[in-house]
């Protein structure tokens, strides 16, 4: 009888974990507003020390994505850094879409040389 109860408890725990996982996934999907798309961009640097794909939404402000790069590559935060895509300088205050960044684009981190 106790073994049966333990088995049922374990099954319930497993089902609760699965349910919570699905709730999280549903919540993430619901957070994508109408017209928003998830895209993937690839970050690199002129000296090739950054190699980082990042997924984001086309409506994300670029500075939010930039912060992710700075967390992993703090050297660039301490430098006078600017980013380019397709030869154009990215405006940190604009969205991914407003900057003309598309799915699969490569964004290059550049450092102003003084």
Protein backbone atom coordinates (compact mmCIF):
# COMPACT_ATOMS: atom_id res chain seq x y z
CA UNK A 1 0.00 0.00 0.00
CA UNK A 2 2.84 2.44 0.87
CA UNK A 3 4.69 1.52 -2.29
CA UNK A 4 1.57 2.22 -4.30
CA UNK A 5 1.18 5.64 -2.63
CA UNK A 6 4.82 6.50 -3.35
CA UNK A 7 4.35 5.49 -6.98
CA UNK A 8 1.26 7.70 -7.25
CA UNK A 9 3.09 10.62 -5.62
CA UNK A 10 5.96 10.24 -8.08
CA UNK A 11 3.55 10.11 -11.02
CA UNK A 12 1.79 13.24 -9.73
CA UNK A 13 5.10 15.08 -9.31
CA UNK A 14 6.10 14.16 -12.85
CA UNK A 15 2.74 15.30 -14.23
CA UNK A 16 2.98 18.59 -12.31
CA UNK A 17 6.45 19.24 -13.74
CA UNK A 18 5.18 18.59 -17.26
CA UNK A 19 2.16 20.83 -16.68
CA UNK A 20 4.34 23.65 -15.34
CA UNK A 21 6.67 23.32 -18.31
CA UNK A 22 3.72 23.59 -20.70
CA UNK A 23 2.37 26.61 -18.81
CA UNK A 24 5.74 28.34 -19.16
CA UNK A 25 5.88 27.56 -22.89
CA UNK A 26 2.30 28.80 -23.35
CA UNK A 27 3.10 31.98 -21.44
CA UNK A 28 6.16 32.61 -23.63
CA UNK A 29 4.09 32.08 -26.78
CA UNK A 30 1.38 34.41 -25.50
CA UNK A 31 3.98 37.09 -24.82
CA UNK A 32 4.66 37.31 -28.54
CA UNK A 33 2.35 40.10 -29.63
CA UNK A 34 0.67 40.36 -32.97
CA UNK A 35 3.24 41.24 -35.60
CA UNK A 36 6.20 40.21 -33.49
CA UNK A 37 8.50 37.59 -34.89
CA UNK A 38 11.32 35.69 -33.30
CA UNK A 39 14.51 35.99 -35.31
CA UNK A 40 18.09 34.82 -34.92
CA UNK A 41 21.06 37.09 -35.46
CA UNK A 42 24.75 36.33 -35.26
CA UNK A 43 27.17 38.61 -33.43
CA UNK A 44 30.83 38.77 -34.36
CA UNK A 45 33.59 41.33 -33.97
CA UNK A 46 36.18 42.81 -36.27
CA UNK A 47 38.93 40.86 -34.50
CA UNK A 48 36.76 37.70 -34.51
CA UNK A 49 36.73 37.19 -30.72
CA UNK A 50 32.92 37.33 -30.56
CA UNK A 51 31.03 34.38 -32.04
CA UNK A 52 27.51 34.43 -30.61
CA UNK A 53 24.09 33.70 -32.08
CA UNK A 54 21.21 35.37 -30.25
CA UNK A 55 17.47 34.97 -30.69
CA UNK A 56 15.31 38.03 -30.22
CA UNK A 57 12.06 39.59 -31.33
CA UNK A 58 11.87 42.06 -34.18
CA UNK A 59 10.24 44.52 -31.72
CA UNK A 60 13.09 44.32 -29.16
CA UNK A 61 15.05 47.51 -28.57
CA UNK A 62 18.61 46.90 -29.75
CA UNK A 63 20.13 48.03 -26.45
CA UNK A 64 18.45 45.03 -24.77
CA UNK A 65 20.27 42.66 -27.14
CA UNK A 66 23.48 44.67 -26.80
CA UNK A 67 23.37 44.13 -23.02
CA UNK A 68 23.45 40.36 -23.57
CA UNK A 69 26.67 40.72 -25.56
CA UNK A 70 28.21 42.94 -22.88
CA UNK A 71 27.36 40.36 -20.20
CA UNK A 72 29.35 37.72 -22.07
CA UNK A 73 32.03 40.00 -23.49
CA UNK A 74 32.60 42.75 -20.87
CA UNK A 75 35.67 44.03 -22.73
CA UNK A 76 33.28 45.60 -25.25
CA UNK A 77 31.22 47.35 -22.59
CA UNK A 78 34.35 49.07 -21.27
CA UNK A 79 35.31 50.17 -24.80
CA UNK A 80 33.75 52.73 -27.09
CA UNK A 81 31.77 50.17 -29.08
CA UNK A 82 29.34 50.53 -31.95
CA UNK A 83 27.52 47.87 -33.96
CA UNK A 84 26.90 47.57 -37.68
CA UNK A 85 24.68 45.43 -39.85
CA UNK A 86 24.98 45.34 -43.64
CA UNK A 87 27.40 48.29 -43.47
CA UNK A 88 24.98 50.50 -41.49
CA UNK A 89 25.54 51.71 -37.93
CA UNK A 90 22.87 50.41 -35.55
CA UNK A 91 20.91 52.90 -33.44
CA UNK A 92 20.79 51.49 -29.89
CA UNK A 93 17.48 53.21 -29.13
CA UNK A 94 15.62 51.71 -32.09
CA UNK A 95 14.05 48.27 -32.43
CA UNK A 96 15.61 45.42 -34.32
CA UNK A 97 13.14 45.97 -37.15
CA UNK A 98 13.64 49.76 -37.23
CA UNK A 99 17.37 49.14 -37.64
CA UNK A 100 16.67 46.96 -40.68
CA UNK A 101 17.97 43.83 -38.98
CA UNK A 102 16.57 40.65 -40.48
CA UNK A 103 16.59 36.99 -39.51
CA UNK A 104 20.04 35.51 -40.13
CA UNK A 105 21.89 38.85 -40.30
CA UNK A 106 25.40 39.17 -38.91
CA UNK A 107 25.97 42.09 -36.55
CA UNK A 108 29.54 43.28 -36.17
CA UNK A 109 30.90 44.81 -32.97
CA UNK A 110 33.35 47.59 -33.76
CA UNK A 111 35.55 49.60 -31.38
CA UNK A 112 36.30 53.26 -32.04
CA UNK A 113 40.06 53.61 -32.21
CA UNK A 114 41.39 56.73 -30.52
